[in-house]
Amino acid sequence: MFVMLEGVSPPSEKACAGDSESQELLEHYHARVFAAGGRTLEEELEGILSRSVTRSTLSVDPVSETGVMQFTLGEPSR
């Protein structure tokens, strides 16, 4: 399952992402923050969808201010 996000980066991040090294650091930062708190979101999705979430990731492009959350779903619960 994919969730598309718009406007996820504040203007300060967009301004800082002018070079590839800074952009890479910001992308890594967003991924780490999501990894630290993503389990709560996974649990909510599991309850709503009655399917396990086997993997989740977040990718953010601070320049375009867009992001994508990807959830890999397991088999339906019985």
PDB file of N, CA and C in Angstrom:
ATOM      1  N   MET A   1       0.846  -1.148   0.000  1.00  0.00           N
ATOM      2  CA  MET A   1       0.000   0.000   0.000  1.00  0.00           C
ATOM      3  C   MET A   1       0.905   1.228   0.000  1.00  0.00           C
ATOM      4  N   PHE A   2       0.552   2.203  -0.810  1.00  0.00           N
ATOM      5  CA  PHE A   2       1.311   3.440  -0.868  1.00  0.00           C
ATOM      6  C   PHE A   2       0.437   4.598  -0.408  1.00  0.00           C
ATOM      7  N   VAL A   3       1.029   5.508   0.340  1.00  0.00           N
ATOM      8  CA  VAL A   3       0.358   6.731   0.757  1.00  0.00           C
ATOM      9  C   VAL A   3       1.207   7.896   0.271  1.00  0.00           C
ATOM     10  N   MET A   4       0.622   8.713  -0.586  1.00  0.00           N
ATOM     11  CA  MET A   4       1.335   9.867  -1.133  1.00  0.00           C
ATOM     12  C   MET A   4       1.094  11.070  -0.228  1.00  0.00           C
ATOM     13  N   LEU A   5       2.144  11.812   0.060  1.00  0.00           N
ATOM     14  CA  LEU A   5       2.072  12.973   0.937  1.00  0.00           C
ATOM     15  C   LEU A   5       2.535  14.223   0.188  1.00  0.00           C
ATOM     16  N   GLU A   6       1.858  15.319   0.399  1.00  0.00           N
ATOM     17  CA  GLU A   6       2.260  16.590  -0.192  1.00  0.00           C
ATOM     18  C   GLU A   6       2.454  17.618   0.914  1.00  0.00           C
ATOM     19  N   GLY A   7       3.412  18.512   0.729  1.00  0.00           N
ATOM     20  CA  GLY A   7       3.656  19.566   1.694  1.00  0.00           C
ATOM     21  C   GLY A   7       4.259  19.075   2.997  1.00  0.00           C
ATOM     22  N   VAL A   8       5.031  17.991   2.946  1.00  0.00           N
ATOM     23  CA  VAL A   8       5.564  17.403   4.173  1.00  0.00           C
ATOM     24  C   VAL A   8       6.827  18.092   4.684  1.00  0.00           C
ATOM     25  N   SER A   9       7.482  18.851   3.845  1.00  0.00           N
ATOM     26  CA  SER A   9       8.718  19.525   4.263  1.00  0.00           C
ATOM     27  C   SER A   9       8.441  20.999   4.520  1.00  0.00           C
ATOM     28  N   PRO A  10       8.875  21.504   5.652  1.00  0.00           N
ATOM     29  CA  PRO A  10       8.713  22.937   5.897  1.00  0.00           C
ATOM     30  C   PRO A  10       9.643  23.739   4.979  1.00  0.00           C
ATOM     31  N   PRO A  11       9.347  25.017   4.772  1.00  0.00           N
ATOM     32  CA  PRO A  11      10.181  25.847   3.893  1.00  0.00           C
ATOM     33  C   PRO A  11      11.660  25.857   4.283  1.00  0.00           C
ATOM     34  N   SER A  12      11.947  25.747   5.576  1.00  0.00           N
ATOM     35  CA  SER A  12      13.347  25.759   6.009  1.00  0.00           C
ATOM     36  C   SER A  12      14.096  24.535   5.482  1.00  0.00           C
ATOM     37  N   GLU A  13      13.434  23.371   5.441  1.00  0.00           N
ATOM     38  CA  GLU A  13      14.082  22.180   4.893  1.00  0.00           C
ATOM     39  C   GLU A  13      14.298  22.322   3.393  1.00  0.00           C
ATOM     40  N   LYS A  14      13.308  22.862   2.717  1.00  0.00           N
ATOM     41  CA  LYS A  14      13.446  23.050   1.273  1.00  0.00           C
ATOM     42  C   LYS A  14      14.628  23.969   0.981  1.00  0.00           C
ATOM     43  N   ALA A  15      14.787  25.019   1.779  1.00  0.00           N
ATOM     44  CA  ALA A  15      15.900  25.955   1.589  1.00  0.00           C
ATOM     45  C   ALA A  15      17.246  25.288   1.869  1.00  0.00           C
ATOM     46  N   CYS A  16      17.285  24.383   2.834  1.00  0.00           N
ATOM     47  CA  CYS A  16      18.529  23.701   3.201  1.00  0.00           C
ATOM     48  C   CYS A  16      18.909  22.593   2.224  1.00  0.00           C
ATOM     49  N   ALA A  17      17.953  22.127   1.430  1.00  0.00           N
ATOM     50  CA  ALA A  17      18.189  20.988   0.551  1.00  0.00           C
ATOM     51  C   ALA A  17      18.741  21.405  -0.807  1.00  0.00           C
ATOM     52  N   GLY A  18      19.424  22.525  -0.852  1.00  0.00           N
ATOM     53  CA  GLY A  18      19.931  23.046  -2.117  1.00  0.00           C
ATOM     54  C   GLY A  18      21.046  22.223  -2.735  1.00  0.00           C
ATOM     55  N   ASP A  19      21.798  21.499  -1.930  1.00  0.00           N
ATOM     56  CA  ASP A  19      22.869  20.667  -2.489  1.00  0.00           C
ATOM     57  C   ASP A  19      22.582  19.206  -2.169  1.00  0.00           C
ATOM     58  N   SER A  20      23.187  18.323  -2.912  1.00  0.00           N
ATOM     59  CA  SER A  20      22.862  16.895  -2.797  1.00  0.00           C
ATOM     60  C   SER A  20      23.225  16.321  -1.420  1.00  0.00           C
ATOM     61  N   GLU A  21      24.291  16.789  -0.809  1.00  0.00           N
ATOM     62  CA  GLU A  21      24.673  16.269   0.508  1.00  0.00           C
ATOM     63  C   GLU A  21      23.632  16.636   1.565  1.00  0.00           C
ATOM     64  N   SER A  22      23.174  17.873   1.552  1.00  0.00           N
ATOM     65  CA  SER A  22      22.144  18.302   2.504  1.00  0.00           C
ATOM     66  C   SER A  22      20.836  17.568   2.254  1.00  0.00           C
ATOM     67  N   GLN A  23      20.474  17.396   0.994  1.00  0.00           N
ATOM     68  CA  GLN A  23      19.248  16.688   0.663  1.00  0.00           C
ATOM     69  C   GLN A  23      19.318  15.244   1.156  1.00  0.00           C
ATOM     70  N   GLU A  24      20.456  14.612   0.977  1.00  0.00           N
ATOM     71  CA  GLU A  24      20.628  13.236   1.444  1.00  0.00           C
ATOM     72  C   GLU A  24      20.495  13.146   2.963  1.00  0.00           C
ATOM     73  N   LEU A  25      21.064  14.106   3.689  1.00  0.00           N
ATOM     74  CA  LEU A  25      20.956  14.122   5.152  1.00  0.00           C
ATOM     75  C   LEU A  25      19.499  14.271   5.595  1.00  0.00           C
ATOM     76  N   LEU A  26      18.754  15.146   4.928  1.00  0.00           N
ATOM     77  CA  LEU A  26      17.353  15.337   5.279  1.00  0.00           C
ATOM     78  C   LEU A  26      16.533  14.078   4.981  1.00  0.00           C
ATOM     79  N   GLU A  27      16.789  13.436   3.868  1.00  0.00           N
ATOM     80  CA  GLU A  27      16.082  12.199   3.531  1.00  0.00           C
ATOM     81  C   GLU A  27      16.373  11.116   4.571  1.00  0.00           C
ATOM     82  N   HIS A  28      17.622  11.022   4.982  1.00  0.00           N
ATOM     83  CA  HIS A  28      18.020  10.046   5.999  1.00  0.00           C
ATOM     84  C   HIS A  28      17.339  10.369   7.337  1.00  0.00           C
ATOM     85  N   TYR A  29      17.286  11.631   7.686  1.00  0.00           N
ATOM     86  CA  TYR A  29      16.639  12.068   8.925  1.00  0.00           C
ATOM     87  C   TYR A  29      15.172  11.633   8.953  1.00  0.00           C
ATOM     88  N   HIS A  30      14.441  11.905   7.880  1.00  0.00           N
ATOM     89  CA  HIS A  30      13.021  11.541   7.825  1.00  0.00           C
ATOM     90  C   HIS A  30      12.846  10.023   7.930  1.00  0.00           C
ATOM     91  N   ALA A  31      13.690   9.272   7.272  1.00  0.00           N
ATOM     92  CA  ALA A  31      13.604   7.809   7.317  1.00  0.00           C
ATOM     93  C   ALA A  31      13.839   7.297   8.740  1.00  0.00           C
ATOM     94  N   ARG A  32      14.804   7.879   9.432  1.00  0.00           N
ATOM     95  CA  ARG A  32      15.110   7.446  10.811  1.00  0.00           C
ATOM     96  C   ARG A  32      13.974   7.785  11.772  1.00  0.00           C
ATOM     97  N   VAL A  33      13.404   8.977  11.634  1.00  0.00           N
ATOM     98  CA  VAL A  33      12.291   9.369  12.496  1.00  0.00           C
ATOM     99  C   VAL A  33      11.101   8.431  12.274  1.00  0.00           C
ATOM    100  N   PHE A  34      10.812   8.114  11.010  1.00  0.00           N
ATOM    101  CA  PHE A  34       9.707   7.205  10.710  1.00  0.00           C
ATOM    102  C   PHE A  34       9.991   5.815  11.265  1.00  0.00           C
ATOM    103  N   ALA A  35      11.205   5.356  11.141  1.00  0.00           N
ATOM    104  CA  ALA A  35      11.571   4.033  11.656  1.00  0.00           C
ATOM    105  C   ALA A  35      11.387   3.973  13.174  1.00  0.00           C
ATOM    106  N   ALA A  36      11.648   5.079  13.854  1.00  0.00           N
ATOM    107  CA  ALA A  36      11.534   5.106  15.314  1.00  0.00           C
ATOM    108  C   ALA A  36      10.084   5.083  15.790  1.00  0.00           C
ATOM    109  N   GLY A  37       9.172   5.683  15.028  1.00  0.00           N
ATOM    110  CA  GLY A  37       7.790   5.766  15.488  1.00  0.00           C
ATOM    111  C   GLY A  37       6.776   5.086  14.591  1.00  0.00           C
ATOM    112  N   GLY A  38       7.225   4.451  13.547  1.00  0.00           N
ATOM    113  CA  GLY A  38       6.322   3.867  12.562  1.00  0.00           C
ATOM    114  C   GLY A  38       5.515   2.683  13.043  1.00  0.00           C
ATOM    115  N   ARG A  39       5.971   2.007  14.089  1.00  0.00           N
ATOM    116  CA  ARG A  39       5.261   0.810  14.557  1.00  0.00           C
ATOM    117  C   ARG A  39       3.841   1.146  15.018  1.00  0.00           C
ATOM    118  N   THR A  40       3.653   2.299  15.620  1.00  0.00           N
ATOM    119  CA  THR A  40       2.319   2.713  16.057  1.00  0.00           C
ATOM    120  C   THR A  40       1.378   2.833  14.869  1.00  0.00           C
ATOM    121  N   LEU A  41       1.851   3.431  13.790  1.00  0.00           N
ATOM    122  CA  LEU A  41       1.058   3.559  12.567  1.00  0.00           C
ATOM    123  C   LEU A  41       0.769   2.186  11.966  1.00  0.00           C
ATOM    124  N   GLU A  42       1.762   1.310  11.971  1.00  0.00           N
ATOM    125  CA  GLU A  42       1.568  -0.052  11.467  1.00  0.00           C
ATOM    126  C   GLU A  42       0.464  -0.765  12.248  1.00  0.00           C
ATOM    127  N   GLU A  43       0.474  -0.632  13.560  1.00  0.00           N
ATOM    128  CA  GLU A  43      -0.536  -1.283  14.393  1.00  0.00           C
ATOM    129  C   GLU A  43      -1.934  -0.751  14.085  1.00  0.00           C
ATOM    130  N   GLU A  44      -2.048   0.548  13.874  1.00  0.00           N
ATOM    131  CA  GLU A  44      -3.345   1.128  13.519  1.00  0.00           C
ATOM    132  C   GLU A  44      -3.833   0.583  12.184  1.00  0.00           C
ATOM    133  N   LEU A  45      -2.943   0.502  11.206  1.00  0.00           N
ATOM    134  CA  LEU A  45      -3.321  -0.038   9.896  1.00  0.00           C
ATOM    135  C   LEU A  45      -3.729  -1.501  10.000  1.00  0.00           C
ATOM    136  N   GLU A  46      -3.004  -2.261  10.807  1.00  0.00           N
ATOM    137  CA  GLU A  46      -3.350  -3.672  10.984  1.00  0.00           C
ATOM    138  C   GLU A  46      -4.770  -3.821  11.539  1.00  0.00           C
ATOM    139  N   GLY A  47      -5.133  -2.955  12.474  1.00  0.00           N
ATOM    140  CA  GLY A  47      -6.473  -2.998  13.038  1.00  0.00           C
ATOM    141  C   GLY A  47      -7.541  -2.598  12.033  1.00  0.00           C
ATOM    142  N   ILE A  48      -7.261  -1.616  11.208  1.00  0.00           N
ATOM    143  CA  ILE A  48      -8.224  -1.144  10.211  1.00  0.00           C
ATOM    144  C   ILE A  48      -8.367  -2.137   9.068  1.00  0.00           C
ATOM    145  N   LEU A  49      -7.239  -2.652   8.575  1.00  0.00           N
ATOM    146  CA  LEU A  49      -7.242  -3.493   7.378  1.00  0.00           C
ATOM    147  C   LEU A  49      -7.370  -4.986   7.666  1.00  0.00           C
ATOM    148  N   SER A  50      -7.230  -5.374   8.927  1.00  0.00           N
ATOM    149  CA  SER A  50      -7.218  -6.793   9.320  1.00  0.00           C
ATOM    150  C   SER A  50      -6.155  -7.572   8.545  1.00  0.00           C
ATOM    151  N   ARG A  51      -5.019  -6.933   8.352  1.00  0.00           N
ATOM    152  CA  ARG A  51      -3.860  -7.564   7.698  1.00  0.00           C
ATOM    153  C   ARG A  51      -2.613  -7.103   8.435  1.00  0.00           C
ATOM    154  N   SER A  52      -1.620  -7.967   8.489  1.00  0.00           N
ATOM    155  CA  SER A  52      -0.372  -7.586   9.137  1.00  0.00           C
ATOM    156  C   SER A  52       0.423  -6.667   8.214  1.00  0.00           C
ATOM    157  N   VAL A  53       1.218  -5.810   8.821  1.00  0.00           N
ATOM    158  CA  VAL A  53       2.155  -4.976   8.069  1.00  0.00           C
ATOM    159  C   VAL A  53       3.532  -5.582   8.301  1.00  0.00           C
ATOM    160  N   THR A  54       4.149  -6.081   7.239  1.00  0.00           N
ATOM    161  CA  THR A  54       5.432  -6.759   7.385  1.00  0.00           C
ATOM    162  C   THR A  54       6.616  -5.818   7.222  1.00  0.00           C
ATOM    163  N   ARG A  55       6.381  -4.670   6.612  1.00  0.00           N
ATOM    164  CA  ARG A  55       7.464  -3.703   6.402  1.00  0.00           C
ATOM    165  C   ARG A  55       6.849  -2.351   6.095  1.00  0.00           C
ATOM    166  N   SER A  56       7.509  -1.275   6.546  1.00  0.00           N
ATOM    167  CA  SER A  56       7.051   0.073   6.198  1.00  0.00           C
ATOM    168  C   SER A  56       8.259   0.984   6.046  1.00  0.00           C
ATOM    169  N   THR A  57       8.129   1.921   5.120  1.00  0.00           N
ATOM    170  CA  THR A  57       9.193   2.896   4.881  1.00  0.00           C
ATOM    171  C   THR A  57       8.575   4.249   4.558  1.00  0.00           C
ATOM    172  N   LEU A  58       9.367   5.284   4.733  1.00  0.00           N
ATOM    173  CA  LEU A  58       8.982   6.637   4.355  1.00  0.00           C
ATOM    174  C   LEU A  58      10.121   7.228   3.548  1.00  0.00           C
ATOM    175  N   SER A  59       9.784   7.777   2.400  1.00  0.00           N
ATOM    176  CA  SER A  59      10.750   8.510   1.579  1.00  0.00           C
ATOM    177  C   SER A  59      10.223   9.925   1.415  1.00  0.00           C
ATOM    178  N   VAL A  60      11.073  10.912   1.705  1.00  0.00           N
ATOM    179  CA  VAL A  60      10.684  12.313   1.585  1.00  0.00           C
ATOM    180  C   VAL A  60      11.664  13.025   0.667  1.00  0.00           C
ATOM    181  N   ASP A  61      11.134  13.803  -0.258  1.00  0.00           N
ATOM    182  CA  ASP A  61      11.946  14.665  -1.119  1.00  0.00           C
ATOM    183  C   ASP A  61      11.740  16.089  -0.622  1.00  0.00           C
ATOM    184  N   PRO A  62      12.708  16.630   0.139  1.00  0.00           N
ATOM    185  CA  PRO A  62      12.516  17.952   0.719  1.00  0.00           C
ATOM    186  C   PRO A  62      12.438  19.069  -0.323  1.00  0.00           C
ATOM    187  N   VAL A  63      12.963  18.860  -1.503  1.00  0.00           N
ATOM    188  CA  VAL A  63      12.913  19.899  -2.533  1.00  0.00           C
ATOM    189  C   VAL A  63      11.493  20.038  -3.083  1.00  0.00           C
ATOM    190  N   SER A  64      10.862  18.912  -3.399  1.00  0.00           N
ATOM    191  CA  SER A  64       9.497  18.961  -3.938  1.00  0.00           C
ATOM    192  C   SER A  64       8.438  18.963  -2.834  1.00  0.00           C
ATOM    193  N   GLU A  65       8.881  18.773  -1.587  1.00  0.00           N
ATOM    194  CA  GLU A  65       8.001  18.747  -0.418  1.00  0.00           C
ATOM    195  C   GLU A  65       6.990  17.610  -0.489  1.00  0.00           C
ATOM    196  N   THR A  66       7.370  16.509  -1.117  1.00  0.00           N
ATOM    197  CA  THR A  66       6.490  15.356  -1.227  1.00  0.00           C
ATOM    198  C   THR A  66       7.106  14.164  -0.504  1.00  0.00           C
ATOM    199  N   GLY A  67       6.263  13.201  -0.182  1.00  0.00           N
ATOM    200  CA  GLY A  67       6.736  11.993   0.464  1.00  0.00           C
ATOM    201  C   GLY A  67       5.872  10.809   0.078  1.00  0.00           C
ATOM    202  N   VAL A  68       6.412   9.628   0.311  1.00  0.00           N
ATOM    203  CA  VAL A  68       5.692   8.392   0.050  1.00  0.00           C
ATOM    204  C   VAL A  68       5.919   7.455   1.228  1.00  0.00           C
ATOM    205  N   MET A  69       4.823   6.994   1.815  1.00  0.00           N
ATOM    206  CA  MET A  69       4.898   5.932   2.805  1.00  0.00           C
ATOM    207  C   MET A  69       4.531   4.646   2.087  1.00  0.00           C
ATOM    208  N   GLN A  70       5.326   3.610   2.292  1.00  0.00           N
ATOM    209  CA  GLN A  70       5.056   2.319   1.676  1.00  0.00           C
ATOM    210  C   GLN A  70       4.884   1.289   2.776  1.00  0.00           C
ATOM    211  N   PHE A  71       3.788   0.538   2.690  1.00  0.00           N
ATOM    212  CA  PHE A  71       3.494  -0.510   3.648  1.00  0.00           C
ATOM    213  C   PHE A  71       3.363  -1.819   2.890  1.00  0.00           C
ATOM    214  N   THR A  72       4.143  -2.812   3.283  1.00  0.00           N
ATOM    215  CA  THR A  72       4.014  -4.145   2.712  1.00  0.00           C
ATOM    216  C   THR A  72       3.068  -4.922   3.625  1.00  0.00           C
ATOM    217  N   LEU A  73       1.992  -5.419   3.030  1.00  0.00           N
ATOM    218  CA  LEU A  73       0.960  -6.097   3.806  1.00  0.00           C
ATOM    219  C   LEU A  73       1.093  -7.607   3.710  1.00  0.00           C
ATOM    220  N   GLY A  74       0.798  -8.264   4.818  1.00  0.00           N
ATOM    221  CA  GLY A  74       0.791  -9.717   4.847  1.00  0.00           C
ATOM    222  C   GLY A  74      -0.590 -10.252   4.496  1.00  0.00           C
ATOM    223  N   GLU A  75      -0.778 -11.500   4.782  1.00  0.00           N
ATOM    224  CA  GLU A  75      -2.041 -12.170   4.490  1.00  0.00           C
ATOM    225  C   GLU A  75      -3.154 -11.605   5.399  1.00  0.00           C
ATOM    226  N   PRO A  76      -4.397 -11.656   4.919  1.00  0.00           N
ATOM    227  CA  PRO A  76      -5.516 -11.202   5.757  1.00  0.00           C
ATOM    228  C   PRO A  76      -5.629 -12.029   7.040  1.00  0.00           C
ATOM    229  N   SER A  77      -6.013 -11.379   8.128  1.00  0.00           N
ATOM    230  CA  SER A  77      -6.251 -12.074   9.402  1.00  0.00           C
ATOM    231  C   SER A  77      -7.549 -12.859   9.302  1.00  0.00           C
ATOM    232  N   ARG A  78      -7.609 -13.951  10.016  1.00  0.00           N
ATOM    233  CA  ARG A  78      -8.835 -14.769   9.998  1.00  0.00           C
ATOM    234  C   ARG A  78      -9.574 -14.623  11.284  1.00  0.00           C
TER     235      ARG A  78
END
